[in-house]
Amino acid sequence: MFTNFACDCFYVADRGPLLRAMSILPEYLRNQATQSGAVIDYRDWQVPLGRRFRALKLWFVIRSFGVEGLQEKIRGHVALAREFALWVDADPRFERLAPVPLNLVCFRHRGGEAANQQILDRLNASGQVYLTHTRLHQQIVLRMSIGQTNTQRRHVQQAWKLIQEAAAELGS
């Protein structure tokens, strides 16, 4: 949502698992309103327990883009991620490892751990694109997240070109 780490948005169908993961209830935080369920304790929705006015950043983003403009940006990023996923699917050197419901594409080169690490290192050292990684079933997975405010299709195309070039250079 074009804000930094100190402002997060959660979309959850069931808040129970989130609350169970984040909740702490030491004695000094216990009160009748909380225990009755009459209030929502937003301290249970985030890592920090404090109540700083972090939402102001998001308010400025919404004011700047408007709700429709923000929706358009997010939908555009999701569409770019889905297009990127199609490019990954069409290249026999790569495999996609998860569905793409939002703006993150998880994929890997079929050449194994060393190949994926080499691609990741080469891309990130280039300064032209930055990918993150994770591990799934003990295998390195490359993560392409499309969400920077001004990202356009040409940027995603350039990133894919760099990924393909890094794959072509494997073993050379």
N, C-alpha and C. Protein backbone atom coordinates (compact mmCIF):
# COMPACT_ATOMS: atom_id res chain seq x y z
N MET A 1 0.82 -1.20 0.00
CA MET A 1 0.00 0.00 0.00
C MET A 1 0.86 1.25 0.00
N PHE A 2 2.10 1.14 -0.48
CA PHE A 2 2.99 2.29 -0.70
C PHE A 2 3.37 3.00 0.58
N THR A 3 3.41 2.27 1.69
CA THR A 3 3.90 2.81 2.95
C THR A 3 5.02 1.90 3.43
N ASN A 4 5.79 2.36 4.39
CA ASN A 4 6.90 1.53 4.85
C ASN A 4 6.45 0.51 5.91
N PHE A 5 7.40 -0.15 6.49
CA PHE A 5 7.14 -1.27 7.41
C PHE A 5 6.23 -0.89 8.57
N ALA A 6 6.32 0.32 9.02
CA ALA A 6 5.57 0.69 10.23
C ALA A 6 4.09 0.90 9.97
N CYS A 7 3.60 0.51 8.81
CA CYS A 7 2.17 0.59 8.52
C CYS A 7 1.80 -0.65 7.71
N ASP A 8 0.96 -1.48 8.26
CA ASP A 8 0.58 -2.73 7.60
C ASP A 8 -0.93 -2.81 7.45
N CYS A 9 -1.35 -3.53 6.44
CA CYS A 9 -2.77 -3.82 6.24
C CYS A 9 -2.93 -5.33 6.21
N PHE A 10 -3.94 -5.82 6.88
CA PHE A 10 -4.24 -7.24 6.87
C PHE A 10 -5.61 -7.45 6.26
N TYR A 11 -5.70 -8.40 5.34
CA TYR A 11 -6.98 -8.83 4.80
C TYR A 11 -7.14 -10.28 5.23
N VAL A 12 -8.02 -10.51 6.16
CA VAL A 12 -8.20 -11.87 6.67
C VAL A 12 -9.68 -12.23 6.67
N ALA A 13 -9.96 -13.44 6.28
CA ALA A 13 -11.33 -13.92 6.32
C ALA A 13 -11.71 -14.30 7.75
N ASP A 14 -10.73 -14.80 8.48
CA ASP A 14 -10.95 -15.21 9.87
C ASP A 14 -9.84 -14.62 10.71
N ARG A 15 -10.15 -13.68 11.57
CA ARG A 15 -9.12 -13.02 12.34
C ARG A 15 -8.57 -13.89 13.47
N GLY A 16 -9.23 -14.99 13.78
CA GLY A 16 -8.81 -15.85 14.88
C GLY A 16 -7.36 -16.29 14.82
N PRO A 17 -6.89 -16.89 13.72
CA PRO A 17 -5.48 -17.32 13.67
C PRO A 17 -4.49 -16.16 13.83
N LEU A 18 -4.81 -15.00 13.25
CA LEU A 18 -3.95 -13.83 13.40
C LEU A 18 -3.86 -13.41 14.87
N LEU A 19 -5.01 -13.35 15.51
CA LEU A 19 -5.04 -12.94 16.91
C LEU A 19 -4.31 -13.94 17.80
N ARG A 20 -4.48 -15.23 17.53
CA ARG A 20 -3.79 -16.24 18.33
C ARG A 20 -2.27 -16.13 18.16
N ALA A 21 -1.81 -15.77 16.97
CA ALA A 21 -0.38 -15.65 16.71
C ALA A 21 0.21 -14.39 17.36
N MET A 22 -0.55 -13.31 17.42
CA MET A 22 -0.02 -12.03 17.86
C MET A 22 -0.39 -11.65 19.29
N SER A 23 -1.37 -12.29 19.87
CA SER A 23 -1.89 -11.85 21.17
C SER A 23 -0.96 -12.17 22.32
N ILE A 24 -0.90 -11.20 23.19
CA ILE A 24 -0.27 -11.40 24.50
C ILE A 24 -1.23 -10.77 25.50
N LEU A 25 -1.36 -11.38 26.62
CA LEU A 25 -2.29 -10.81 27.60
C LEU A 25 -1.72 -10.96 29.02
N PRO A 26 -0.66 -10.21 29.31
CA PRO A 26 -0.17 -10.24 30.69
C PRO A 26 -1.18 -9.56 31.62
N GLU A 27 -1.02 -9.76 32.87
CA GLU A 27 -1.98 -9.27 33.85
C GLU A 27 -2.24 -7.77 33.72
N TYR A 28 -1.21 -6.98 33.48
CA TYR A 28 -1.38 -5.53 33.44
C TYR A 28 -2.20 -5.04 32.24
N LEU A 29 -2.45 -5.90 31.25
CA LEU A 29 -3.29 -5.52 30.12
C LEU A 29 -4.71 -6.05 30.21
N ARG A 30 -5.00 -6.81 31.23
CA ARG A 30 -6.35 -7.39 31.38
C ARG A 30 -7.32 -6.30 31.85
N ASN A 31 -8.51 -6.31 31.24
CA ASN A 31 -9.57 -5.38 31.66
C ASN A 31 -10.91 -5.96 31.27
N GLN A 32 -11.99 -5.42 31.83
CA GLN A 32 -13.32 -5.97 31.57
C GLN A 32 -13.72 -5.85 30.11
N ALA A 33 -13.43 -4.73 29.48
CA ALA A 33 -13.84 -4.53 28.09
C ALA A 33 -13.20 -5.57 27.17
N THR A 34 -11.91 -5.81 27.38
CA THR A 34 -11.21 -6.81 26.56
C THR A 34 -11.78 -8.20 26.80
N GLN A 35 -11.94 -8.56 28.05
CA GLN A 35 -12.39 -9.91 28.36
C GLN A 35 -13.84 -10.15 27.97
N SER A 36 -14.64 -9.11 27.90
CA SER A 36 -16.03 -9.28 27.50
C SER A 36 -16.17 -9.36 25.98
N GLY A 37 -15.13 -8.94 25.26
CA GLY A 37 -15.21 -8.91 23.81
C GLY A 37 -15.90 -7.67 23.29
N ALA A 38 -16.15 -6.70 24.17
CA ALA A 38 -16.85 -5.48 23.77
C ALA A 38 -15.99 -4.55 22.93
N VAL A 39 -14.69 -4.73 22.96
CA VAL A 39 -13.79 -3.89 22.18
C VAL A 39 -12.85 -4.76 21.36
N ILE A 40 -12.31 -4.19 20.31
CA ILE A 40 -11.27 -4.87 19.53
C ILE A 40 -9.95 -4.28 20.00
N ASP A 41 -9.07 -5.10 20.52
CA ASP A 41 -7.75 -4.64 20.95
C ASP A 41 -6.79 -4.75 19.77
N TYR A 42 -6.54 -3.63 19.12
CA TYR A 42 -5.68 -3.65 17.94
C TYR A 42 -4.23 -3.95 18.29
N ARG A 43 -3.90 -3.96 19.57
CA ARG A 43 -2.55 -4.39 19.95
C ARG A 43 -2.30 -5.82 19.50
N ASP A 44 -3.38 -6.59 19.36
CA ASP A 44 -3.27 -8.00 18.97
C ASP A 44 -3.15 -8.19 17.46
N TRP A 45 -3.11 -7.12 16.71
CA TRP A 45 -3.07 -7.20 15.25
C TRP A 45 -1.70 -6.83 14.69
N GLN A 46 -0.73 -6.61 15.52
CA GLN A 46 0.56 -6.13 15.04
C GLN A 46 1.66 -6.60 15.96
N VAL A 47 2.90 -6.47 15.51
CA VAL A 47 4.03 -6.87 16.32
C VAL A 47 4.23 -5.92 17.50
N PRO A 48 4.32 -4.59 17.28
CA PRO A 48 4.51 -3.71 18.42
C PRO A 48 3.23 -3.55 19.22
N LEU A 49 3.37 -3.32 20.49
CA LEU A 49 2.23 -3.18 21.37
C LEU A 49 1.75 -1.73 21.44
N GLY A 50 2.58 -0.79 21.01
CA GLY A 50 2.28 0.64 21.14
C GLY A 50 1.12 1.09 20.28
N ARG A 51 0.77 2.35 20.46
CA ARG A 51 -0.37 2.92 19.75
C ARG A 51 0.02 4.17 18.97
N ARG A 52 1.18 4.19 18.32
CA ARG A 52 1.57 5.35 17.53
C ARG A 52 0.61 5.53 16.37
N PHE A 53 0.58 6.72 15.82
CA PHE A 53 -0.37 7.06 14.75
C PHE A 53 0.20 6.64 13.40
N ARG A 54 0.38 5.34 13.21
CA ARG A 54 0.96 4.82 11.98
C ARG A 54 0.00 4.93 10.80
N ALA A 55 -1.26 4.97 11.07
CA ALA A 55 -2.26 5.02 9.99
C ALA A 55 -2.20 6.32 9.21
N LEU A 56 -1.57 7.35 9.76
CA LEU A 56 -1.49 8.63 9.06
C LEU A 56 -0.80 8.45 7.71
N LYS A 57 0.22 7.61 7.65
CA LYS A 57 0.92 7.35 6.39
C LYS A 57 -0.04 6.78 5.35
N LEU A 58 -0.82 5.82 5.76
CA LEU A 58 -1.78 5.21 4.85
C LEU A 58 -2.86 6.21 4.45
N TRP A 59 -3.27 7.04 5.38
CA TRP A 59 -4.27 8.07 5.07
C TRP A 59 -3.75 8.99 3.97
N PHE A 60 -2.45 9.38 4.04
CA PHE A 60 -1.88 10.24 3.01
C PHE A 60 -1.83 9.53 1.65
N VAL A 61 -1.54 8.25 1.65
CA VAL A 61 -1.53 7.49 0.40
C VAL A 61 -2.93 7.46 -0.21
N ILE A 62 -3.92 7.18 0.61
CA ILE A 62 -5.30 7.14 0.11
C ILE A 62 -5.72 8.52 -0.38
N ARG A 63 -5.36 9.57 0.35
CA ARG A 63 -5.69 10.94 -0.08
C ARG A 63 -4.98 11.29 -1.39
N SER A 64 -3.76 10.82 -1.55
CA SER A 64 -2.98 11.13 -2.74
C SER A 64 -3.52 10.44 -3.99
N PHE A 65 -3.79 9.14 -3.88
CA PHE A 65 -4.25 8.36 -5.03
C PHE A 65 -5.77 8.33 -5.15
N GLY A 66 -6.46 8.47 -4.04
CA GLY A 66 -7.90 8.23 -4.01
C GLY A 66 -8.12 6.73 -3.93
N VAL A 67 -9.26 6.32 -3.45
CA VAL A 67 -9.53 4.89 -3.31
C VAL A 67 -9.48 4.21 -4.68
N GLU A 68 -10.11 4.82 -5.68
CA GLU A 68 -10.12 4.22 -7.02
C GLU A 68 -8.73 4.16 -7.61
N GLY A 69 -7.93 5.23 -7.40
CA GLY A 69 -6.56 5.23 -7.91
C GLY A 69 -5.70 4.18 -7.25
N LEU A 70 -5.89 3.99 -5.96
CA LEU A 70 -5.16 2.97 -5.23
C LEU A 70 -5.57 1.58 -5.70
N GLN A 71 -6.87 1.38 -5.90
CA GLN A 71 -7.35 0.10 -6.43
C GLN A 71 -6.74 -0.17 -7.80
N GLU A 72 -6.68 0.86 -8.63
CA GLU A 72 -6.11 0.71 -9.98
C GLU A 72 -4.64 0.31 -9.91
N LYS A 73 -3.88 0.95 -9.01
CA LYS A 73 -2.46 0.61 -8.86
C LYS A 73 -2.30 -0.85 -8.43
N ILE A 74 -3.05 -1.24 -7.42
CA ILE A 74 -2.92 -2.60 -6.90
C ILE A 74 -3.35 -3.62 -7.96
N ARG A 75 -4.45 -3.36 -8.63
CA ARG A 75 -4.89 -4.28 -9.70
C ARG A 75 -3.86 -4.36 -10.82
N GLY A 76 -3.25 -3.23 -11.12
CA GLY A 76 -2.20 -3.23 -12.14
C GLY A 76 -1.01 -4.08 -11.74
N HIS A 77 -0.61 -3.99 -10.48
CA HIS A 77 0.51 -4.80 -10.00
C HIS A 77 0.16 -6.28 -10.00
N VAL A 78 -1.06 -6.60 -9.64
CA VAL A 78 -1.51 -8.00 -9.67
C VAL A 78 -1.50 -8.51 -11.11
N ALA A 79 -1.97 -7.70 -12.03
CA ALA A 79 -1.98 -8.09 -13.45
C ALA A 79 -0.55 -8.30 -13.96
N LEU A 80 0.37 -7.43 -13.58
CA LEU A 80 1.77 -7.59 -13.99
C LEU A 80 2.36 -8.87 -13.42
N ALA A 81 2.03 -9.18 -12.17
CA ALA A 81 2.53 -10.42 -11.56
C ALA A 81 1.99 -11.64 -12.30
N ARG A 82 0.73 -11.59 -12.66
CA ARG A 82 0.15 -12.73 -13.39
C ARG A 82 0.78 -12.87 -14.77
N GLU A 83 1.08 -11.74 -15.41
CA GLU A 83 1.75 -11.81 -16.72
C GLU A 83 3.16 -12.38 -16.55
N PHE A 84 3.86 -11.93 -15.53
CA PHE A 84 5.19 -12.46 -15.24
C PHE A 84 5.11 -13.97 -15.00
N ALA A 85 4.11 -14.42 -14.27
CA ALA A 85 3.93 -15.85 -14.00
C ALA A 85 3.74 -16.63 -15.31
N LEU A 86 3.02 -16.04 -16.26
CA LEU A 86 2.84 -16.70 -17.56
C LEU A 86 4.18 -16.85 -18.29
N TRP A 87 5.02 -15.83 -18.18
CA TRP A 87 6.35 -15.91 -18.81
C TRP A 87 7.18 -17.01 -18.17
N VAL A 88 7.10 -17.13 -16.84
CA VAL A 88 7.82 -18.19 -16.13
C VAL A 88 7.30 -19.54 -16.59
N ASP A 89 5.97 -19.68 -16.65
CA ASP A 89 5.36 -20.95 -17.07
C ASP A 89 5.76 -21.34 -18.49
N ALA A 90 5.98 -20.36 -19.35
CA ALA A 90 6.29 -20.64 -20.75
C ALA A 90 7.76 -20.98 -20.98
N ASP A 91 8.61 -20.73 -20.01
CA ASP A 91 10.04 -21.00 -20.16
C ASP A 91 10.36 -22.35 -19.52
N PRO A 92 10.77 -23.34 -20.30
CA PRO A 92 10.99 -24.69 -19.76
C PRO A 92 12.13 -24.76 -18.74
N ARG A 93 12.95 -23.73 -18.66
CA ARG A 93 14.04 -23.73 -17.67
C ARG A 93 13.55 -23.44 -16.26
N PHE A 94 12.33 -22.89 -16.15
CA PHE A 94 11.81 -22.45 -14.87
C PHE A 94 10.52 -23.19 -14.51
N GLU A 95 10.21 -23.16 -13.22
CA GLU A 95 8.94 -23.68 -12.74
C GLU A 95 8.39 -22.72 -11.70
N ARG A 96 7.07 -22.56 -11.72
CA ARG A 96 6.40 -21.73 -10.72
C ARG A 96 5.96 -22.65 -9.60
N LEU A 97 6.09 -22.19 -8.36
CA LEU A 97 5.85 -23.07 -7.22
C LEU A 97 4.61 -22.73 -6.41
N ALA A 98 3.90 -21.70 -6.80
CA ALA A 98 2.70 -21.31 -6.04
C ALA A 98 1.76 -20.54 -6.95
N PRO A 99 0.49 -20.53 -6.62
CA PRO A 99 -0.46 -19.69 -7.37
C PRO A 99 -0.09 -18.22 -7.20
N VAL A 100 -0.64 -17.36 -8.04
CA VAL A 100 -0.34 -15.93 -7.99
C VAL A 100 -1.65 -15.16 -7.77
N PRO A 101 -2.16 -15.17 -6.53
CA PRO A 101 -3.41 -14.45 -6.27
C PRO A 101 -3.20 -12.95 -6.13
N LEU A 102 -1.97 -12.53 -5.79
CA LEU A 102 -1.71 -11.10 -5.62
C LEU A 102 -0.48 -10.71 -6.45
N ASN A 103 0.49 -10.05 -5.85
CA ASN A 103 1.60 -9.49 -6.63
C ASN A 103 2.93 -10.21 -6.44
N LEU A 104 2.92 -11.39 -5.85
CA LEU A 104 4.14 -12.15 -5.60
C LEU A 104 4.17 -13.42 -6.44
N VAL A 105 5.31 -13.62 -7.13
CA VAL A 105 5.50 -14.82 -7.95
C VAL A 105 6.68 -15.59 -7.37
N CYS A 106 6.43 -16.85 -6.98
CA CYS A 106 7.48 -17.73 -6.45
C CYS A 106 7.83 -18.74 -7.54
N PHE A 107 9.10 -18.76 -7.90
CA PHE A 107 9.54 -19.62 -9.00
C PHE A 107 10.98 -20.04 -8.76
N ARG A 108 11.43 -20.98 -9.57
CA ARG A 108 12.81 -21.43 -9.47
C ARG A 108 13.28 -21.98 -10.81
N HIS A 109 14.58 -21.96 -10.98
CA HIS A 109 15.22 -22.58 -12.14
C HIS A 109 15.27 -24.07 -11.89
N ARG A 110 15.04 -24.85 -12.91
CA ARG A 110 15.01 -26.31 -12.75
C ARG A 110 16.41 -26.90 -12.56
N GLY A 111 17.43 -26.07 -12.65
CA GLY A 111 18.81 -26.54 -12.55
C GLY A 111 19.30 -26.85 -11.15
N GLY A 112 18.49 -26.63 -10.13
CA GLY A 112 18.87 -26.99 -8.77
C GLY A 112 19.34 -25.82 -7.93
N GLU A 113 19.79 -26.17 -6.72
CA GLU A 113 20.14 -25.17 -5.71
C GLU A 113 21.22 -24.20 -6.19
N ALA A 114 22.31 -24.73 -6.70
CA ALA A 114 23.43 -23.87 -7.09
C ALA A 114 23.01 -22.91 -8.20
N ALA A 115 22.22 -23.40 -9.14
CA ALA A 115 21.76 -22.55 -10.25
C ALA A 115 20.90 -21.41 -9.73
N ASN A 116 19.98 -21.71 -8.83
CA ASN A 116 19.11 -20.68 -8.29
C ASN A 116 19.88 -19.67 -7.44
N GLN A 117 20.82 -20.14 -6.66
CA GLN A 117 21.63 -19.23 -5.86
C GLN A 117 22.47 -18.33 -6.76
N GLN A 118 23.01 -18.91 -7.82
CA GLN A 118 23.82 -18.13 -8.76
C GLN A 118 22.97 -17.07 -9.46
N ILE A 119 21.77 -17.42 -9.86
CA ILE A 119 20.87 -16.44 -10.49
C ILE A 119 20.54 -15.32 -9.51
N LEU A 120 20.18 -15.70 -8.30
CA LEU A 120 19.84 -14.71 -7.27
C LEU A 120 21.01 -13.77 -7.00
N ASP A 121 22.19 -14.33 -6.81
CA ASP A 121 23.37 -13.52 -6.52
C ASP A 121 23.71 -12.59 -7.67
N ARG A 122 23.65 -13.12 -8.88
CA ARG A 122 23.99 -12.31 -10.06
C ARG A 122 23.00 -11.16 -10.23
N LEU A 123 21.73 -11.44 -10.10
CA LEU A 123 20.72 -10.40 -10.26
C LEU A 123 20.85 -9.32 -9.20
N ASN A 124 20.98 -9.73 -7.95
CA ASN A 124 21.05 -8.75 -6.87
C ASN A 124 22.34 -7.94 -6.90
N ALA A 125 23.43 -8.54 -7.36
CA ALA A 125 24.69 -7.81 -7.47
C ALA A 125 24.66 -6.81 -8.63
N SER A 126 23.78 -7.03 -9.59
CA SER A 126 23.73 -6.15 -10.76
C SER A 126 23.24 -4.75 -10.41
N GLY A 127 22.45 -4.63 -9.36
CA GLY A 127 21.88 -3.33 -9.01
C GLY A 127 20.71 -2.92 -9.90
N GLN A 128 20.34 -3.77 -10.84
CA GLN A 128 19.24 -3.46 -11.76
C GLN A 128 17.91 -4.03 -11.31
N VAL A 129 17.96 -5.11 -10.57
CA VAL A 129 16.76 -5.76 -10.07
C VAL A 129 17.13 -6.42 -8.74
N TYR A 130 16.16 -6.54 -7.87
CA TYR A 130 16.41 -7.19 -6.59
C TYR A 130 15.31 -8.21 -6.34
N LEU A 131 15.72 -9.47 -6.20
CA LEU A 131 14.78 -10.53 -5.86
C LEU A 131 15.08 -11.01 -4.45
N THR A 132 14.05 -11.44 -3.76
CA THR A 132 14.24 -12.10 -2.48
C THR A 132 14.08 -13.60 -2.71
N HIS A 133 14.31 -14.37 -1.68
CA HIS A 133 14.16 -15.82 -1.80
C HIS A 133 13.55 -16.37 -0.52
N THR A 134 13.12 -17.61 -0.62
CA THR A 134 12.66 -18.36 0.54
C THR A 134 13.04 -19.81 0.31
N ARG A 135 12.65 -20.67 1.21
CA ARG A 135 12.86 -22.11 1.02
C ARG A 135 11.52 -22.80 1.10
N LEU A 136 11.30 -23.69 0.16
CA LEU A 136 10.09 -24.49 0.12
C LEU A 136 10.52 -25.92 -0.14
N HIS A 137 10.14 -26.82 0.75
CA HIS A 137 10.57 -28.23 0.66
C HIS A 137 12.10 -28.32 0.55
N GLN A 138 12.77 -27.53 1.38
CA GLN A 138 14.24 -27.51 1.45
C GLN A 138 14.91 -27.02 0.16
N GLN A 139 14.17 -26.38 -0.72
CA GLN A 139 14.74 -25.87 -1.97
C GLN A 139 14.61 -24.35 -2.01
N ILE A 140 15.63 -23.70 -2.55
CA ILE A 140 15.59 -22.26 -2.68
C ILE A 140 14.54 -21.87 -3.72
N VAL A 141 13.77 -20.86 -3.41
CA VAL A 141 12.72 -20.36 -4.29
C VAL A 141 12.95 -18.86 -4.48
N LEU A 142 12.95 -18.42 -5.72
CA LEU A 142 13.10 -17.01 -6.04
C LEU A 142 11.74 -16.33 -5.94
N ARG A 143 11.74 -15.10 -5.44
CA ARG A 143 10.48 -14.37 -5.21
C ARG A 143 10.53 -13.04 -5.96
N MET A 144 9.62 -12.85 -6.87
CA MET A 144 9.48 -11.59 -7.60
C MET A 144 8.23 -10.90 -7.07
N SER A 145 8.42 -9.77 -6.41
CA SER A 145 7.31 -9.01 -5.86
C SER A 145 7.16 -7.73 -6.66
N ILE A 146 5.97 -7.51 -7.20
CA ILE A 146 5.71 -6.35 -8.03
C ILE A 146 4.79 -5.42 -7.25
N GLY A 147 5.32 -4.29 -6.81
CA GLY A 147 4.48 -3.43 -5.99
C GLY A 147 5.02 -2.04 -5.76
N GLN A 148 6.15 -1.70 -6.36
CA GLN A 148 6.67 -0.36 -6.17
C GLN A 148 5.73 0.62 -6.87
N THR A 149 5.54 1.78 -6.30
CA THR A 149 4.54 2.73 -6.76
C THR A 149 4.55 2.97 -8.26
N ASN A 150 5.72 3.15 -8.84
CA ASN A 150 5.80 3.53 -10.26
C ASN A 150 6.16 2.38 -11.19
N THR A 151 6.05 1.15 -10.74
CA THR A 151 6.38 0.01 -11.60
C THR A 151 5.44 -0.07 -12.79
N GLN A 152 6.05 -0.24 -13.96
CA GLN A 152 5.31 -0.38 -15.21
C GLN A 152 5.69 -1.70 -15.86
N ARG A 153 4.95 -2.06 -16.89
CA ARG A 153 5.19 -3.32 -17.59
C ARG A 153 6.62 -3.41 -18.09
N ARG A 154 7.16 -2.32 -18.60
CA ARG A 154 8.54 -2.32 -19.13
C ARG A 154 9.56 -2.70 -18.05
N HIS A 155 9.28 -2.33 -16.80
CA HIS A 155 10.19 -2.69 -15.72
C HIS A 155 10.16 -4.20 -15.47
N VAL A 156 8.96 -4.77 -15.51
CA VAL A 156 8.82 -6.22 -15.29
C VAL A 156 9.44 -6.98 -16.46
N GLN A 157 9.24 -6.47 -17.67
CA GLN A 157 9.86 -7.09 -18.84
C GLN A 157 11.39 -7.07 -18.72
N GLN A 158 11.94 -5.94 -18.28
CA GLN A 158 13.39 -5.84 -18.11
C GLN A 158 13.88 -6.81 -17.04
N ALA A 159 13.14 -6.93 -15.96
CA ALA A 159 13.52 -7.88 -14.91
C ALA A 159 13.53 -9.31 -15.46
N TRP A 160 12.50 -9.67 -16.23
CA TRP A 160 12.44 -11.02 -16.82
C TRP A 160 13.60 -11.24 -17.77
N LYS A 161 13.94 -10.23 -18.54
CA LYS A 161 15.08 -10.33 -19.46
C LYS A 161 16.37 -10.58 -18.67
N LEU A 162 16.56 -9.88 -17.58
CA LEU A 162 17.75 -10.08 -16.76
C LEU A 162 17.77 -11.48 -16.13
N ILE A 163 16.61 -11.96 -15.71
CA ILE A 163 16.51 -13.31 -15.15
C ILE A 163 16.88 -14.34 -16.21
N GLN A 164 16.35 -14.17 -17.42
CA GLN A 164 16.67 -15.10 -18.50
C GLN A 164 18.15 -15.06 -18.85
N GLU A 165 18.74 -13.86 -18.88
CA GLU A 165 20.18 -13.74 -19.16
C GLU A 165 21.00 -14.41 -18.08
N ALA A 166 20.62 -14.25 -16.83
CA ALA A 166 21.33 -14.90 -15.73
C ALA A 166 21.23 -16.42 -15.86
N ALA A 167 20.07 -16.90 -16.28
CA ALA A 167 19.88 -18.36 -16.48
C ALA A 167 20.75 -18.85 -17.63
N ALA A 168 20.84 -18.05 -18.68
CA ALA A 168 21.64 -18.44 -19.85
C ALA A 168 23.13 -18.50 -19.52
N GLU A 169 23.57 -17.73 -18.54
CA GLU A 169 24.98 -17.67 -18.17
C GLU A 169 25.38 -18.76 -17.19
N LEU A 170 24.44 -19.57 -16.75
CA LEU A 170 24.78 -20.64 -15.80
C LEU A 170 25.85 -21.55 -16.37
N GLY A 171 26.82 -21.83 -15.53
CA GLY A 171 27.86 -22.76 -15.93
C GLY A 171 28.92 -22.16 -16.82
N SER A 172 28.78 -20.87 -17.18
CA SER A 172 29.82 -20.30 -18.05
C SER A 172 30.90 -19.62 -17.25
